[in-house]
Amino acid sequence: MNFIDLKRQYQEYKTEIDKRIADVIDNTRFIMGKELKDLEAELAAYAGAKHGIGVASGTDALLVPLAAYGVGPGDEVITTPFTFIATVEVISFLGATPVFVDIDSDDYNIDISKIESKITKKTKGIIPVSLYGQTPDLDKISAIGKKHGIFVLEDGAQSFGAVYKGRKSCGLTDVAGTSFYPSKPLGCYGDGGMIFTSDDALAEKMRMIMNHGSSQNYVHKYVGINARMDTLQAAVLLVKFAHFEKECDTRMRLGSRYTELLSGGKVITPKVSSTTDRHVYAQYSIRVKNRDALKEALAKESIPTAVHYPKPIHLQEAYQSLGHKTGDFPVSEQVSNEIISLPMHPFLTDGEQKLVAEKILGAVS
């Protein structure tokens, strides 16, 4: 059993993927090729945004918008400590200071009720993370941003395809970024990401920043970086995107089935928020009191698991300079000690799911 079965997925779409890759190699447009332009247009329309900007990674999909907003030394950006470090390191990389808000104990997204208390004159923006495959209440967060004149950047690295109040993740805020890391719901065969916005001026600036600050060769308006997505990755994504809606619906079904199979035991299963119409379960993560023992028991049964995330960012060595200590963000800390992710992908069989659930209930009963 695989935690994420990319090989099974490849075999399903092999003919289409191989042809797309061969076409790119044949036309030799490896950088900024037609496939990338097609992908940007298709994904922007899907998310409900005017602009899609392909970039080299999910990290770049956060870094470039921050740079375009002029985030730098002396600025603060609010986010959560319970996330992958990329969410936070992009803030630090630009010289700004991350300001943490604890998470909600139900959906593990940022606790919206605590955001405004952290806003100061230095606050430039908010990065809510749409963790595990569903968004927080982004209407409420956007209202806070508008009230205080600060931007909202959705970190949709795990939620592309999720549906919130009838609208899709990555088309709900001033700007959003997603990741196409191979294990994501929509994943390429390397690193890749995309930025979404309906702000024309912001989109134009971000396109330049991600391409050495330039819109034409050797003319540089901004100090930028090289964050371009390879055309080969765009070609792979075009194939996968054609099957994406079906896979998202399958993920929702599998997530619901896991929850049903694990009900009644000593397991905290994911809660789908009232604003979520479709959870894409980038991770299906449960909580148990003795997480490490369960992980070991499942490993003995050849059932792979992962921990997303074992230590919140405020307790990481890289962020000791902020002066946080254990107890500062108690919900994040508790969840990090109890969380464990189970095998989850659209090609998971009912039998595999049933086996995973049976072994979990047997280990924690």
Protein backbone atom coordinates (compact mmCIF):
# COMPACT_ATOMS: atom_id res chain seq x y z
CA MET A 1 0.00 0.00 0.00
CA ASN A 2 1.27 3.49 -0.87
CA PHE A 3 0.61 6.66 1.08
CA ILE A 4 -0.01 8.44 -2.23
CA ASP A 5 -0.04 6.21 -5.30
CA LEU A 6 1.41 8.34 -8.10
CA LYS A 7 2.41 5.24 -10.06
CA ARG A 8 -1.18 4.02 -10.21
CA GLN A 9 -2.28 7.45 -11.38
CA TYR A 10 0.44 7.58 -14.05
CA GLN A 11 -0.58 4.20 -15.44
CA GLU A 12 -4.16 5.47 -15.74
CA TYR A 13 -3.16 8.56 -17.75
CA LYS A 14 0.10 7.27 -19.25
CA THR A 15 -0.75 7.63 -22.95
CA GLU A 16 -1.94 11.22 -22.52
CA ILE A 17 0.98 12.25 -20.32
CA ASP A 18 3.63 10.69 -22.54
CA LYS A 19 2.21 12.43 -25.61
CA ARG A 20 2.11 15.82 -23.91
CA ILE A 21 5.72 15.47 -22.72
CA ALA A 22 6.85 14.31 -26.16
CA ASP A 23 5.15 17.32 -27.77
CA VAL A 24 7.12 19.72 -25.55
CA ILE A 25 10.39 17.96 -26.27
CA ASP A 26 9.60 18.02 -29.97
CA ASN A 27 8.79 21.75 -30.08
CA THR A 28 11.64 22.59 -27.61
CA ARG A 29 9.68 25.42 -25.92
CA PHE A 30 10.88 24.40 -22.47
CA ILE A 31 10.45 27.86 -20.91
CA MET A 32 7.22 29.90 -21.15
CA GLY A 33 5.78 27.60 -23.80
CA LYS A 34 2.21 27.37 -25.09
CA GLU A 35 1.34 24.65 -22.58
CA LEU A 36 2.02 27.05 -19.72
CA LYS A 37 -0.19 29.75 -21.22
CA ASP A 38 -2.97 27.19 -21.74
CA LEU A 39 -2.64 25.94 -18.18
CA GLU A 40 -2.73 29.46 -16.72
CA ALA A 41 -5.92 30.25 -18.64
CA GLU A 42 -7.67 26.99 -17.75
CA LEU A 43 -6.83 27.09 -14.05
CA ALA A 44 -7.66 30.77 -13.64
CA ALA A 45 -11.09 30.19 -15.17
CA TYR A 46 -11.58 27.16 -12.93
CA ALA A 47 -10.69 29.08 -9.75
CA GLY A 48 -12.76 32.09 -10.77
CA ALA A 49 -9.84 34.50 -11.04
CA LYS A 50 -8.91 36.78 -13.96
CA HIS A 51 -5.25 35.79 -13.86
CA GLY A 52 -3.27 32.61 -13.30
CA ILE A 53 0.51 32.92 -13.14
CA GLY A 54 2.52 29.72 -13.27
CA VAL A 55 5.59 29.67 -11.04
CA ALA A 56 8.33 27.24 -10.12
CA SER A 57 6.97 26.12 -6.75
CA GLY A 58 4.27 26.60 -4.17
CA THR A 59 6.78 28.62 -2.16
CA ASP A 60 7.25 31.03 -5.08
CA ALA A 61 3.46 31.27 -5.30
CA LEU A 62 3.57 32.94 -1.85
CA LEU A 63 6.87 34.79 -2.15
CA VAL A 64 6.08 36.62 -5.39
CA PRO A 65 2.77 38.16 -4.16
CA LEU A 66 4.44 39.33 -0.95
CA ALA A 67 7.22 40.94 -2.96
CA ALA A 68 4.66 42.58 -5.24
CA TYR A 69 2.92 44.08 -2.21
CA GLY A 70 6.27 45.50 -1.11
CA VAL A 71 6.52 43.46 2.08
CA GLY A 72 9.87 44.04 3.74
CA PRO A 73 11.75 45.02 6.92
CA GLY A 74 9.53 46.63 9.52
CA ASP A 75 6.37 44.97 8.22
CA GLU A 76 4.32 42.26 9.92
CA VAL A 77 2.29 39.53 8.25
CA ILE A 78 -0.22 37.47 10.23
CA THR A 79 -0.43 33.71 9.71
CA THR A 80 -0.66 30.42 11.61
CA PRO A 81 2.14 28.44 13.29
CA PHE A 82 0.50 25.12 12.30
CA THR A 83 1.56 24.82 8.68
CA PHE A 84 4.50 23.83 6.51
CA ILE A 85 7.37 26.24 7.04
CA ALA A 86 7.10 27.67 3.49
CA THR A 87 4.09 29.75 4.60
CA VAL A 88 6.22 31.53 7.15
CA GLU A 89 9.70 31.52 5.62
CA VAL A 90 8.60 33.66 2.68
CA ILE A 91 7.69 36.40 5.16
CA SER A 92 11.07 36.14 6.85
CA PHE A 93 12.96 35.90 3.55
CA LEU A 94 11.71 39.38 2.65
CA GLY A 95 12.82 40.73 6.03
CA ALA A 96 9.34 41.05 7.52
CA THR A 97 8.12 39.53 10.79
CA PRO A 98 5.60 36.69 10.97
CA VAL A 99 2.93 37.20 13.63
CA PHE A 100 1.20 34.00 14.68
CA VAL A 101 -2.45 33.34 15.46
CA ASP A 102 -3.42 29.95 16.91
CA ILE A 103 -5.64 27.52 15.02
CA ASP A 104 -9.24 26.45 15.46
CA SER A 105 -9.49 23.05 17.14
CA ASP A 106 -12.15 21.81 14.68
CA ASP A 107 -10.68 22.38 11.22
CA TYR A 108 -7.07 23.30 12.17
CA ASN A 109 -7.26 26.53 10.15
CA ILE A 110 -6.49 29.94 11.63
CA ASP A 111 -8.74 31.01 14.52
CA ILE A 112 -10.47 33.97 12.91
CA SER A 113 -11.71 35.32 16.25
CA LYS A 114 -8.10 36.05 17.25
CA ILE A 115 -6.86 37.79 14.12
CA GLU A 116 -7.85 41.39 14.82
CA SER A 117 -6.14 41.42 18.21
CA LYS A 118 -2.82 40.83 16.40
CA ILE A 119 -3.20 43.68 13.88
CA THR A 120 -0.91 46.66 14.46
CA LYS A 121 0.23 49.68 12.45
CA LYS A 122 2.97 47.43 11.05
CA THR A 123 0.60 44.77 9.74
CA LYS A 124 0.78 44.52 5.95
CA GLY A 125 -1.34 41.44 5.32
CA ILE A 126 -2.79 38.09 6.39
CA ILE A 127 -1.89 34.65 5.05
CA PRO A 128 -4.64 32.20 6.01
CA VAL A 129 -3.71 28.59 5.25
CA SER A 130 -6.38 26.34 3.75
CA LEU A 131 -5.08 23.31 5.56
CA TYR A 132 -5.53 19.66 4.56
CA GLY A 133 -8.00 20.47 1.77
CA GLN A 134 -10.60 22.97 2.98
CA THR A 135 -10.56 26.73 3.40
CA PRO A 136 -11.26 28.72 6.55
CA ASP A 137 -14.11 31.23 6.35
CA LEU A 138 -12.37 33.45 3.83
CA ASP A 139 -15.27 35.90 3.59
CA LYS A 140 -14.77 36.78 7.25
CA ILE A 141 -11.00 37.05 6.84
CA SER A 142 -11.35 39.21 3.71
CA ALA A 143 -13.73 41.50 5.61
CA ILE A 144 -11.06 41.94 8.30
CA GLY A 145 -8.47 42.71 5.64
CA LYS A 146 -10.70 45.29 3.97
CA LYS A 147 -11.57 46.90 7.31
CA HIS A 148 -7.90 47.43 8.15
CA GLY A 149 -6.63 48.11 4.64
CA ILE A 150 -4.40 45.04 4.45
CA PHE A 151 -4.18 42.29 1.83
CA VAL A 152 -5.30 38.69 2.23
CA LEU A 153 -3.19 36.01 0.53
CA GLU A 154 -4.71 32.53 0.66
CA ASP A 155 -2.14 29.76 1.01
CA GLY A 156 -4.07 27.22 -1.03
CA ALA A 157 -1.19 24.77 -1.37
CA GLN A 158 -3.43 21.93 -0.14
CA SER A 159 -6.86 23.16 -1.19
CA PHE A 160 -6.95 23.67 -4.95
CA GLY A 161 -10.26 22.14 -6.02
CA ALA A 162 -11.95 22.72 -2.66
CA VAL A 163 -15.32 24.47 -2.79
CA TYR A 164 -16.30 27.14 -0.26
CA LYS A 165 -19.86 28.51 -0.35
CA GLY A 166 -20.17 27.48 -3.98
CA ARG A 167 -16.86 29.10 -4.98
CA LYS A 168 -13.46 27.51 -5.43
CA SER A 169 -10.34 27.92 -3.35
CA CYS A 170 -7.75 30.28 -4.86
CA GLY A 171 -10.39 32.61 -6.28
CA LEU A 172 -11.68 33.99 -2.98
CA THR A 173 -9.15 36.56 -1.76
CA ASP A 174 -7.03 39.46 -3.07
CA VAL A 175 -4.48 36.91 -4.21
CA ALA A 176 -3.86 33.21 -3.68
CA GLY A 177 -1.10 30.70 -4.25
CA THR A 178 -1.18 26.96 -4.70
CA SER A 179 1.39 24.18 -5.03
CA PHE A 180 1.72 21.45 -7.63
CA TYR A 181 4.20 19.40 -5.62
CA PRO A 182 3.72 15.78 -6.78
CA SER A 183 1.70 14.72 -3.73
CA LYS A 184 -0.83 17.58 -3.95
CA PRO A 185 -4.38 16.98 -5.23
CA LEU A 186 -3.20 18.44 -8.55
CA GLY A 187 0.47 17.55 -8.74
CA CYS A 188 3.14 17.75 -11.41
CA TYR A 189 6.33 15.69 -11.78
CA GLY A 190 8.61 18.05 -9.87
CA ASP A 191 8.06 21.43 -8.26
CA GLY A 192 5.48 23.87 -9.53
CA GLY A 193 2.88 26.36 -8.37
CA MET A 194 0.45 29.03 -9.49
CA ILE A 195 -0.68 32.46 -8.32
CA PHE A 196 -4.26 33.66 -8.81
CA THR A 197 -5.67 37.18 -8.67
CA SER A 198 -8.28 39.37 -10.33
CA ASP A 199 -6.23 42.52 -9.74
CA ASP A 200 -4.81 43.53 -13.13
CA ALA A 201 -2.06 45.80 -11.78
CA LEU A 202 -0.96 43.24 -9.21
CA ALA A 203 -0.90 40.49 -11.83
CA GLU A 204 1.26 42.58 -14.15
CA LYS A 205 3.74 43.31 -11.37
CA MET A 206 3.89 39.68 -10.26
CA ARG A 207 4.52 38.48 -13.82
CA MET A 208 7.54 40.75 -13.94
CA ILE A 209 8.85 39.88 -10.48
CA MET A 210 8.75 36.15 -11.22
CA ASN A 211 10.70 36.75 -14.45
CA HIS A 212 13.68 38.79 -13.24
CA GLY A 213 11.57 41.93 -12.85
CA SER A 214 11.12 42.09 -16.60
CA SER A 215 8.34 42.08 -19.20
CA GLN A 216 10.75 42.18 -22.14
CA ASN A 217 14.30 40.92 -22.56
CA TYR A 218 16.97 43.02 -20.84
CA VAL A 219 14.53 45.67 -19.63
CA HIS A 220 14.02 45.34 -15.85
CA LYS A 221 11.46 47.45 -14.01
CA TYR A 222 11.75 45.62 -10.67
CA VAL A 223 14.28 43.60 -8.76
CA GLY A 224 12.89 40.13 -9.36
CA ILE A 225 13.73 36.45 -9.26
CA ASN A 226 13.56 33.49 -11.61
CA ALA A 227 10.38 31.70 -10.56
CA ARG A 228 9.16 30.47 -13.95
CA MET A 229 7.33 27.16 -14.27
CA ASP A 230 8.86 24.67 -16.70
CA THR A 231 6.71 23.95 -19.74
CA LEU A 232 7.15 20.21 -19.16
CA GLN A 233 5.43 20.53 -15.79
CA ALA A 234 2.60 22.52 -17.37
CA ALA A 235 2.16 19.75 -19.93
CA VAL A 236 1.79 17.12 -17.20
CA LEU A 237 -0.66 19.32 -15.32
CA LEU A 238 -2.84 19.87 -18.39
CA VAL A 239 -3.39 16.12 -18.62
CA LYS A 240 -4.09 15.71 -14.93
CA PHE A 241 -6.37 18.73 -14.85
CA ALA A 242 -8.63 17.11 -17.45
CA HIS A 243 -9.37 14.41 -14.82
CA PHE A 244 -9.20 16.69 -11.79
CA GLU A 245 -12.90 17.23 -11.03
CA LYS A 246 -13.47 13.48 -11.00
CA GLU A 247 -10.50 13.01 -8.66
CA CYS A 248 -11.71 15.78 -6.32
CA ASP A 249 -15.13 14.18 -6.05
CA THR A 250 -13.46 10.83 -5.35
CA ARG A 251 -11.34 12.40 -2.62
CA MET A 252 -14.46 13.79 -0.96
CA ARG A 253 -16.12 10.36 -1.10
CA LEU A 254 -13.05 8.60 0.29
CA GLY A 255 -12.70 11.14 3.08
CA SER A 256 -16.34 10.68 4.08
CA ARG A 257 -15.89 6.91 4.02
CA TYR A 258 -12.81 7.06 6.24
CA THR A 259 -14.81 9.13 8.72
CA GLU A 260 -17.65 6.61 8.66
CA LEU A 261 -15.30 3.64 9.08
CA LEU A 262 -13.50 5.28 12.01
CA SER A 263 -16.59 6.50 13.85
CA GLY A 264 -17.25 5.25 17.32
CA GLY A 265 -13.61 4.71 18.21
CA LYS A 266 -11.06 6.69 20.19
CA VAL A 267 -10.18 8.68 17.09
CA ILE A 268 -10.84 12.33 16.30
CA THR A 269 -11.74 12.46 12.62
CA PRO A 270 -11.62 15.60 10.42
CA LYS A 271 -14.52 17.99 10.74
CA VAL A 272 -15.88 19.45 7.53
CA SER A 273 -16.72 23.12 8.10
CA SER A 274 -20.24 24.40 7.50
CA THR A 275 -18.87 26.68 4.76
CA THR A 276 -17.18 23.79 2.93
CA ASP A 277 -19.08 22.28 0.01
CA ARG A 278 -16.16 20.08 -1.06
CA HIS A 279 -13.15 19.06 1.02
CA VAL A 280 -10.41 17.67 -1.24
CA TYR A 281 -8.50 15.90 1.54
CA ALA A 282 -4.97 16.67 0.46
CA GLN A 283 -4.39 14.85 3.73
CA TYR A 284 -6.82 12.72 5.69
CA SER A 285 -5.53 13.44 9.18
CA ILE A 286 -6.88 12.01 12.41
CA ARG A 287 -5.94 12.71 16.01
CA VAL A 288 -5.17 10.11 18.66
CA LYS A 289 -3.69 10.43 22.12
CA ASN A 290 -0.78 8.05 21.52
CA ARG A 291 0.13 9.00 17.98
CA ASP A 292 3.63 7.52 17.91
CA ALA A 293 2.43 4.14 19.13
CA LEU A 294 -0.26 4.08 16.44
CA LYS A 295 2.25 5.03 13.77
CA GLU A 296 4.49 2.16 14.85
CA ALA A 297 1.60 -0.32 14.96
CA LEU A 298 0.50 0.61 11.44
CA ALA A 299 4.06 0.39 10.13
CA LYS A 300 4.19 -3.22 11.34
CA GLU A 301 1.14 -3.87 9.14
CA SER A 302 2.88 -2.18 6.17
CA ILE A 303 0.47 0.75 6.32
CA PRO A 304 2.30 4.02 5.64
CA THR A 305 1.46 7.19 7.55
CA ALA A 306 2.83 10.72 7.85
CA VAL A 307 2.69 13.50 10.41
CA HIS A 308 1.58 16.94 9.18
CA TYR A 309 3.02 18.60 11.32
CA PRO A 310 5.06 17.29 14.29
CA LYS A 311 6.30 20.66 15.57
CA PRO A 312 4.59 24.03 15.05
CA ILE A 313 6.65 26.81 13.49
CA HIS A 314 6.93 28.93 16.64
CA LEU A 315 8.88 26.11 18.33
CA GLN A 316 11.22 25.49 15.40
CA GLU A 317 14.89 26.41 15.90
CA ALA A 318 14.74 28.75 12.90
CA TYR A 319 12.20 30.93 14.74
CA GLN A 320 13.60 31.02 18.24
CA SER A 321 14.50 34.67 17.69
CA LEU A 322 10.80 35.54 17.92
CA GLY A 323 10.91 34.54 21.58
CA HIS A 324 7.96 32.17 21.63
CA LYS A 325 7.77 29.31 24.09
CA THR A 326 5.75 26.17 24.69
CA GLY A 327 2.23 27.16 25.68
CA ASP A 328 2.01 30.28 23.53
CA PHE A 329 -0.22 28.58 20.94
CA PRO A 330 -1.75 25.67 22.84
CA VAL A 331 -4.13 24.36 20.17
CA SER A 332 -1.37 24.15 17.56
CA GLU A 333 0.85 22.38 20.08
CA GLN A 334 -1.79 19.86 21.10
CA VAL A 335 -2.73 19.05 17.53
CA SER A 336 0.92 18.65 16.51
CA ASN A 337 1.32 16.00 19.22
CA GLU A 338 -1.78 14.04 18.16
CA ILE A 339 -2.09 14.40 14.39
CA ILE A 340 -1.38 11.56 11.96
CA SER A 341 -2.21 11.35 8.24
CA LEU A 342 -3.47 8.18 6.55
CA PRO A 343 -3.04 6.88 2.99
CA MET A 344 -5.14 9.12 0.75
CA HIS A 345 -5.36 9.38 -3.04
CA PRO A 346 -8.07 8.97 -5.69
CA PHE A 347 -6.98 5.41 -6.52
CA LEU A 348 -7.30 4.09 -2.98
CA THR A 349 -9.55 1.02 -3.01
CA ASP A 350 -12.44 0.32 -0.65
CA GLY A 351 -10.55 -2.75 0.57
CA GLU A 352 -7.44 -0.74 1.37
CA GLN A 353 -9.50 1.82 3.26
CA LYS A 354 -11.28 -0.85 5.23
CA LEU A 355 -7.98 -2.48 6.18
CA VAL A 356 -6.50 0.84 7.35
CA ALA A 357 -9.57 1.59 9.48
CA GLU A 358 -9.66 -1.90 11.00
CA LYS A 359 -6.00 -1.75 11.99
CA ILE A 360 -6.43 1.72 13.52
CA LEU A 361 -9.47 0.75 15.58
CA GLY A 362 -7.70 -2.40 16.71
CA ALA A 363 -4.64 -0.43 17.80
CA VAL A 364 -6.45 2.33 19.71
CA SER A 365 -9.31 0.34 21.29
